[in-house]
Amino acid sequence: MPSIKDVANLAGVAVGTVSRVINNSGAVKPATRRKVEEAIQELNYIPNEIARNFKMRRSKMVALLLPSIWHPFFSELAYYIEDELDREGFKLMLCNSGGKPEKELYYLDMLQQNKVAGIVGITYNDIEDDVSNDIPIVSIDRHFSKKITCVTSDNYEGGRLALRELVKAGARKPAFLGSVTSVFSETMNRREGFIREAKAMGVDYVVYEKPDPVIDDDAYFGEFLDQHREVDGIFAITDMFAAKYIERAGRRGIRVPEDVKVIGYDGIQDHPYFHPLLSTIRQPVEEMARTSIRLLYQKMEGQTLEREVYRLPVMFRQGETT
């Protein structure tokens, strides 16, 4: 689908000139207007109504596409995104997809047709062909081949940090527990950092993964516990994974941290599910949320961002499981 930039390049004018022709606003020389109109016709360009409405300040709505609102990490992220939007008088439209690709596509189609100013999205599904940058969009954790800005935590460094902390706590055979999404996302770098650091330190390790989403938790953790009884350290891809492991291991009389040290990833420490208090790699959730919205504002104004991926530092938070 041709963009306004394609029209500008073909007509040999600036994007702002094309915008003035489309919106019939501002002075444009007749010869220049003809060149723009001919370029529009040749490319069969359809003006982006969402962008036009934002320029005319009609839309004050930003959509947040989440795979799950009940997950504490996504809930915390949504809280800070809404707060940052509210500071500038924008409103939040929450789109809870349940992680289903067909529902994500439904929302994207709806948002393209409705007057929203921009989108912040989290998806781990293969919907590449249906994501358009005609509407301002910022992605969290996920890369797209198109030039869509991605905000994420430093997952790779988080994996390295987790391995070092497990070894420091006395683990001799640590394992990574996770699930593999259908497309690459930054979350997979947690595993890569863990593996890289284990190799660098000469530590024997285990990687245990199943396709995402994990449908049967009991089967997943039961198989792992049956196959890897020698493991004495766990780095789980999320805090929820870590908490589920602790619960299943406890059923078998495995004590944490006496028998196995456990570290999660996210930092959702206030959730009542966590007892004992989980050692974790803490993501800067508030900073990720506010950074995403501030970058989205820049994209709404037509600014070119300095880079495509913004990685924010993580930290280890000591709990009772290491």
Protein backbone atom coordinates (compact mmCIF):
# COMPACT_ATOMS: atom_id res chain seq x y z
CA MET A 1 0.00 0.00 0.00
CA PRO A 2 1.58 3.34 -1.07
CA SER A 3 2.21 5.93 1.63
CA ILE A 4 2.18 9.72 1.64
CA LYS A 5 5.99 9.58 1.44
CA ASP A 6 5.73 7.58 -1.81
CA VAL A 7 3.49 10.28 -3.26
CA ALA A 8 5.91 12.99 -2.17
CA ASN A 9 8.88 11.17 -3.71
CA LEU A 10 7.09 10.62 -7.03
CA ALA A 11 5.93 14.24 -7.20
CA GLY A 12 9.32 15.54 -6.10
CA VAL A 13 7.90 17.55 -3.20
CA ALA A 14 7.93 17.48 0.59
CA VAL A 15 5.46 15.38 2.60
CA GLY A 16 3.98 18.60 4.02
CA THR A 17 3.13 19.77 0.51
CA VAL A 18 1.25 16.54 -0.21
CA SER A 19 -0.60 16.95 3.08
CA ARG A 20 -1.67 20.49 2.15
CA VAL A 21 -2.99 19.27 -1.19
CA ILE A 22 -4.93 16.40 0.40
CA ASN A 23 -6.38 18.60 3.14
CA ASN A 24 -6.83 21.59 0.83
CA SER A 25 -5.08 23.77 3.37
CA GLY A 26 -2.28 26.28 2.88
CA ALA A 27 -0.84 27.77 -0.30
CA VAL A 28 0.29 25.38 -3.04
CA LYS A 29 1.28 26.51 -6.53
CA PRO A 30 -1.08 25.21 -9.24
CA ALA A 31 1.74 23.37 -11.07
CA THR A 32 2.83 21.72 -7.83
CA ARG A 33 -0.73 20.75 -7.00
CA ARG A 34 -1.08 19.08 -10.41
CA LYS A 35 2.11 17.06 -9.85
CA VAL A 36 0.85 15.86 -6.48
CA GLU A 37 -2.60 14.97 -7.84
CA GLU A 38 -1.02 13.05 -10.74
CA ALA A 39 1.22 11.15 -8.31
CA ILE A 40 -1.80 10.29 -6.16
CA GLN A 41 -3.65 8.99 -9.20
CA GLU A 42 -0.67 7.02 -10.54
CA LEU A 43 -0.03 5.32 -7.18
CA ASN A 44 -3.73 4.89 -6.43
CA TYR A 45 -2.97 6.41 -3.05
CA ILE A 46 -5.77 6.45 -0.46
CA PRO A 47 -5.24 9.20 2.15
CA ASN A 48 -4.82 7.99 5.71
CA GLU A 49 -7.94 9.31 7.39
CA ILE A 50 -6.58 8.53 10.86
CA ALA A 51 -3.49 10.65 10.34
CA ARG A 52 -5.56 13.43 8.80
CA ASN A 53 -7.94 13.46 11.71
CA PHE A 54 -5.05 13.66 14.15
CA LYS A 55 -3.53 16.61 12.29
CA MET A 56 -6.92 18.32 12.55
CA ARG A 57 -6.99 17.45 16.27
CA ARG A 58 -10.24 15.50 16.02
CA SER A 59 -8.92 12.35 17.63
CA LYS A 60 -7.74 12.13 21.23
CA MET A 61 -7.92 8.35 21.45
CA VAL A 62 -4.98 5.92 21.56
CA ALA A 63 -5.50 2.15 21.38
CA LEU A 64 -3.59 -0.36 23.52
CA LEU A 65 -3.54 -3.90 22.09
CA LEU A 66 -2.75 -6.48 24.80
CA PRO A 67 -2.65 -10.30 24.74
CA SER A 68 -4.10 -10.46 28.27
CA ILE A 69 -5.34 -7.85 30.72
CA TRP A 70 -5.37 -10.19 33.72
CA HIS A 71 -1.61 -10.78 33.63
CA PRO A 72 -0.05 -8.50 36.29
CA PHE A 73 2.75 -7.28 33.99
CA PHE A 74 0.31 -6.18 31.27
CA SER A 75 -2.01 -4.63 33.86
CA GLU A 76 0.82 -2.56 35.31
CA LEU A 77 1.93 -1.52 31.84
CA ALA A 78 -1.62 -0.44 30.94
CA TYR A 79 -1.87 1.61 34.13
CA TYR A 80 1.19 3.71 33.31
CA ILE A 81 0.27 4.04 29.63
CA GLU A 82 -3.14 5.42 30.56
CA ASP A 83 -1.56 7.80 33.08
CA GLU A 84 0.90 9.13 30.51
CA LEU A 85 -1.88 9.61 27.94
CA ASP A 86 -4.05 11.41 30.50
CA ARG A 87 -1.33 13.99 31.08
CA GLU A 88 -1.80 15.23 27.51
CA GLY A 89 -5.57 14.86 27.43
CA PHE A 90 -5.65 11.61 25.46
CA LYS A 91 -7.93 8.68 26.24
CA LEU A 92 -7.13 4.97 26.20
CA MET A 93 -9.00 2.36 24.16
CA LEU A 94 -8.16 -1.08 25.57
CA CYS A 95 -8.16 -4.01 23.13
CA ASN A 96 -7.75 -7.33 24.95
CA SER A 97 -7.00 -10.01 22.33
CA GLY A 98 -6.55 -13.01 24.61
CA GLY A 99 -3.45 -13.78 22.53
CA LYS A 100 -5.67 -14.91 19.62
CA PRO A 101 -4.36 -13.85 16.18
CA GLU A 102 -7.86 -13.64 14.68
CA LYS A 103 -8.92 -11.24 17.44
CA GLU A 104 -5.80 -9.12 16.94
CA LEU A 105 -6.58 -8.87 13.23
CA TYR A 106 -10.15 -7.87 14.04
CA TYR A 107 -8.92 -5.08 16.32
CA LEU A 108 -6.34 -3.85 13.79
CA ASP A 109 -9.00 -3.67 11.08
CA MET A 110 -11.35 -1.84 13.43
CA LEU A 111 -8.66 0.63 14.47
CA GLN A 112 -7.75 1.35 10.86
CA GLN A 113 -11.35 2.30 10.16
CA ASN A 114 -11.95 4.31 13.31
CA LYS A 115 -10.52 7.64 14.28
CA VAL A 116 -7.74 6.72 16.70
CA ALA A 117 -4.59 8.81 16.88
CA GLY A 118 -2.20 5.87 17.33
CA ILE A 119 -1.61 2.35 18.64
CA VAL A 120 0.63 0.75 21.23
CA GLY A 121 0.65 -2.99 20.63
CA ILE A 122 1.92 -6.23 22.14
CA THR A 123 1.57 -9.32 20.00
CA TYR A 124 3.45 -12.61 19.75
CA ASN A 125 1.53 -13.87 16.71
CA ASP A 126 2.44 -13.90 13.02
CA ILE A 127 0.35 -10.94 11.84
CA GLU A 128 3.17 -9.18 9.98
CA ASP A 129 1.25 -8.63 6.75
CA ASP A 130 -1.66 -6.97 8.53
CA VAL A 131 0.33 -4.41 10.50
CA SER A 132 0.55 -1.09 8.70
CA ASN A 133 2.67 1.91 9.61
CA ASP A 134 0.20 4.23 7.89
CA ILE A 135 -1.14 4.75 11.39
CA PRO A 136 1.37 5.75 14.12
CA ILE A 137 2.27 2.60 16.05
CA VAL A 138 4.77 1.57 18.74
CA SER A 139 5.37 -2.11 19.48
CA ILE A 140 6.47 -3.53 22.82
CA ASP A 141 8.87 -6.51 22.74
CA ARG A 142 8.13 -7.40 19.10
CA HIS A 143 10.06 -6.53 15.92
CA PHE A 144 8.45 -6.13 12.54
CA SER A 145 10.19 -5.94 9.17
CA LYS A 146 8.50 -2.61 8.56
CA LYS A 147 9.95 0.42 10.31
CA ILE A 148 7.80 0.19 13.43
CA THR A 149 9.39 1.42 16.65
CA CYS A 150 9.94 -1.22 19.34
CA VAL A 151 10.30 -0.54 23.07
CA THR A 152 11.62 -3.36 25.24
CA SER A 153 13.71 -4.17 28.27
CA ASP A 154 17.26 -5.50 27.89
CA ASN A 155 16.17 -9.13 27.80
CA TYR A 156 19.58 -10.44 26.77
CA GLU A 157 21.34 -8.79 29.70
CA GLY A 158 18.53 -9.99 31.95
CA GLY A 159 19.28 -13.60 30.96
CA ARG A 160 22.99 -13.14 31.64
CA LEU A 161 22.27 -11.52 34.99
CA ALA A 162 19.93 -14.34 36.02
CA LEU A 163 22.55 -17.00 35.26
CA ARG A 164 25.20 -15.16 37.27
CA GLU A 165 22.88 -14.75 40.25
CA LEU A 166 21.91 -18.44 40.22
CA VAL A 167 25.58 -19.46 40.21
CA LYS A 168 26.33 -16.95 42.97
CA ALA A 169 23.51 -18.51 45.02
CA GLY A 170 25.13 -21.95 44.64
CA ALA A 171 23.40 -23.50 41.61
CA ARG A 172 25.59 -25.98 39.72
CA LYS A 173 23.09 -27.19 37.11
CA PRO A 174 20.76 -24.30 36.24
CA ALA A 175 17.90 -24.55 33.74
CA PHE A 176 15.98 -22.11 31.59
CA LEU A 177 12.20 -22.66 31.52
CA GLY A 178 10.22 -21.04 28.75
CA SER A 179 7.89 -21.25 25.78
CA VAL A 180 8.60 -20.54 22.12
CA THR A 181 6.38 -18.09 20.22
CA SER A 182 5.62 -18.55 16.52
CA VAL A 183 7.61 -15.43 15.60
CA PHE A 184 10.69 -13.83 17.10
CA SER A 185 10.23 -11.40 19.96
CA GLU A 186 12.69 -9.74 22.30
CA THR A 187 11.60 -12.10 25.10
CA MET A 188 13.55 -14.90 23.40
CA ASN A 189 16.75 -13.03 24.16
CA ARG A 190 16.27 -13.97 27.82
CA ARG A 191 17.19 -17.52 26.86
CA GLU A 192 20.06 -16.40 24.63
CA GLY A 193 21.63 -14.30 27.37
CA PHE A 194 21.28 -17.19 29.83
CA ILE A 195 22.98 -19.62 27.42
CA ARG A 196 25.75 -17.19 26.48
CA GLU A 197 26.67 -16.50 30.10
CA ALA A 198 26.54 -20.19 31.06
CA LYS A 199 28.96 -21.03 28.26
CA ALA A 200 31.24 -18.13 29.16
CA MET A 201 31.37 -19.31 32.78
CA GLY A 202 31.74 -22.99 31.88
CA VAL A 203 28.49 -23.89 33.64
CA ASP A 204 26.49 -27.00 32.68
CA TYR A 205 22.91 -25.95 31.89
CA VAL A 206 19.52 -27.13 30.60
CA VAL A 207 17.07 -25.41 28.25
CA TYR A 208 13.48 -26.63 28.47
CA GLU A 209 10.88 -25.11 26.13
CA LYS A 210 7.51 -25.92 24.60
CA PRO A 211 5.43 -24.07 21.98
CA ASP A 212 3.58 -21.01 23.24
CA PRO A 213 1.01 -20.93 24.71
CA VAL A 214 1.48 -23.78 27.17
CA ILE A 215 -1.94 -25.44 27.31
CA ASP A 216 -1.34 -27.99 30.08
CA ASP A 217 0.75 -26.63 32.96
CA ASP A 218 0.75 -29.91 34.86
CA ALA A 219 2.09 -31.82 31.85
CA TYR A 220 4.71 -29.14 31.13
CA PHE A 221 6.16 -28.99 34.64
CA GLY A 222 5.61 -32.68 35.34
CA GLU A 223 7.68 -33.66 32.32
CA PHE A 224 10.43 -31.24 33.26
CA LEU A 225 10.60 -32.47 36.86
CA ASP A 226 10.68 -36.09 35.68
CA GLN A 227 13.46 -35.51 33.15
CA HIS A 228 15.71 -33.08 35.01
CA ARG A 229 15.92 -34.07 38.64
CA GLU A 230 19.53 -32.93 38.79
CA VAL A 231 18.64 -29.27 38.17
CA ASP A 232 19.25 -27.06 41.20
CA GLY A 233 18.60 -23.63 39.69
CA ILE A 234 15.74 -22.23 37.58
CA PHE A 235 15.55 -19.12 35.42
CA ALA A 236 11.95 -18.83 34.21
CA ILE A 237 10.99 -16.71 31.21
CA THR A 238 8.37 -14.88 33.33
CA ASP A 239 7.51 -14.51 36.99
CA MET A 240 4.30 -16.46 36.41
CA PHE A 241 6.31 -19.37 35.00
CA ALA A 242 8.56 -19.21 38.06
CA ALA A 243 5.62 -19.19 40.46
CA LYS A 244 4.01 -22.16 38.72
CA TYR A 245 7.27 -24.10 38.90
CA ILE A 246 7.59 -23.42 42.62
CA GLU A 247 4.04 -24.66 43.22
CA ARG A 248 4.51 -27.86 41.18
CA ALA A 249 7.95 -28.56 42.67
CA GLY A 250 6.51 -28.15 46.15
CA ARG A 251 4.02 -30.94 45.45
CA ARG A 252 7.01 -33.27 45.03
CA GLY A 253 8.71 -32.15 48.19
CA ILE A 254 11.28 -29.97 46.39
CA ARG A 255 12.12 -27.00 48.58
CA VAL A 256 12.85 -23.49 47.31
CA PRO A 257 15.49 -22.19 47.83
CA GLU A 258 17.01 -25.05 49.85
CA ASP A 259 16.94 -27.59 46.99
CA VAL A 260 16.44 -25.33 43.96
CA LYS A 261 17.14 -21.62 43.49
CA VAL A 262 14.54 -19.79 41.36
CA ILE A 263 14.64 -16.50 39.46
CA GLY A 264 11.81 -15.09 37.35
CA TYR A 265 11.54 -12.21 34.88
CA ASP A 266 9.17 -9.21 35.05
CA GLY A 267 9.18 -7.98 38.63
CA ILE A 268 5.46 -8.25 39.42
CA GLN A 269 6.29 -8.59 43.11
CA ASP A 270 3.04 -7.29 44.57
CA HIS A 271 0.91 -10.08 43.12
CA PRO A 272 -0.46 -12.33 45.93
CA TYR A 273 0.43 -15.41 43.85
CA PHE A 274 4.04 -15.00 44.92
CA HIS A 275 4.87 -16.64 48.20
CA PRO A 276 7.68 -16.86 48.99
CA LEU A 277 8.70 -13.51 47.51
CA LEU A 278 10.29 -14.25 44.17
CA SER A 279 13.82 -13.29 43.16
CA THR A 280 13.43 -11.74 39.73
CA ILE A 281 14.84 -9.69 36.88
CA ARG A 282 12.83 -6.51 37.19
CA GLN A 283 11.70 -4.78 34.00
CA PRO A 284 11.35 -0.98 34.16
CA VAL A 285 7.61 -1.23 33.48
CA GLU A 286 6.75 2.40 34.15
CA GLU A 287 9.62 3.68 32.02
CA MET A 288 8.68 1.28 29.20
CA ALA A 289 5.09 2.52 29.27
CA ARG A 290 5.88 6.22 29.38
CA THR A 291 8.64 5.91 26.77
CA SER A 292 6.24 4.11 24.41
CA ILE A 293 3.70 6.92 24.61
CA ARG A 294 6.28 9.70 24.26
CA LEU A 295 7.67 8.02 21.16
CA LEU A 296 4.15 7.56 19.82
CA TYR A 297 3.51 11.29 20.21
CA GLN A 298 6.60 11.99 18.08
CA LYS A 299 5.38 9.59 15.40
CA MET A 300 1.96 11.24 15.44
CA GLU A 301 3.64 14.57 14.70
CA GLY A 302 5.44 13.03 11.74
CA GLN A 303 8.88 13.10 13.35
CA THR A 304 11.56 10.58 12.38
CA LEU A 305 12.83 8.71 15.43
CA GLU A 306 16.56 8.25 15.92
CA ARG A 307 16.37 4.44 16.12
CA GLU A 308 13.93 1.57 15.70
CA VAL A 309 14.57 -0.29 18.98
CA TYR A 310 14.72 1.30 22.44
CA ARG A 311 16.12 -1.14 25.04
CA LEU A 312 15.79 -0.15 28.68
CA PRO A 313 18.04 -1.55 31.44
CA VAL A 314 16.89 -4.24 33.88
CA MET A 315 17.94 -5.02 37.45
CA PHE A 316 18.07 -8.06 39.71
CA ARG A 317 15.75 -7.90 42.71
CA GLN A 318 16.62 -10.27 45.50
CA GLY A 319 13.75 -12.24 46.99
CA GLU A 320 13.37 -15.37 49.08
CA THR A 321 13.88 -17.92 46.30
CA THR A 322 17.68 -17.66 45.83
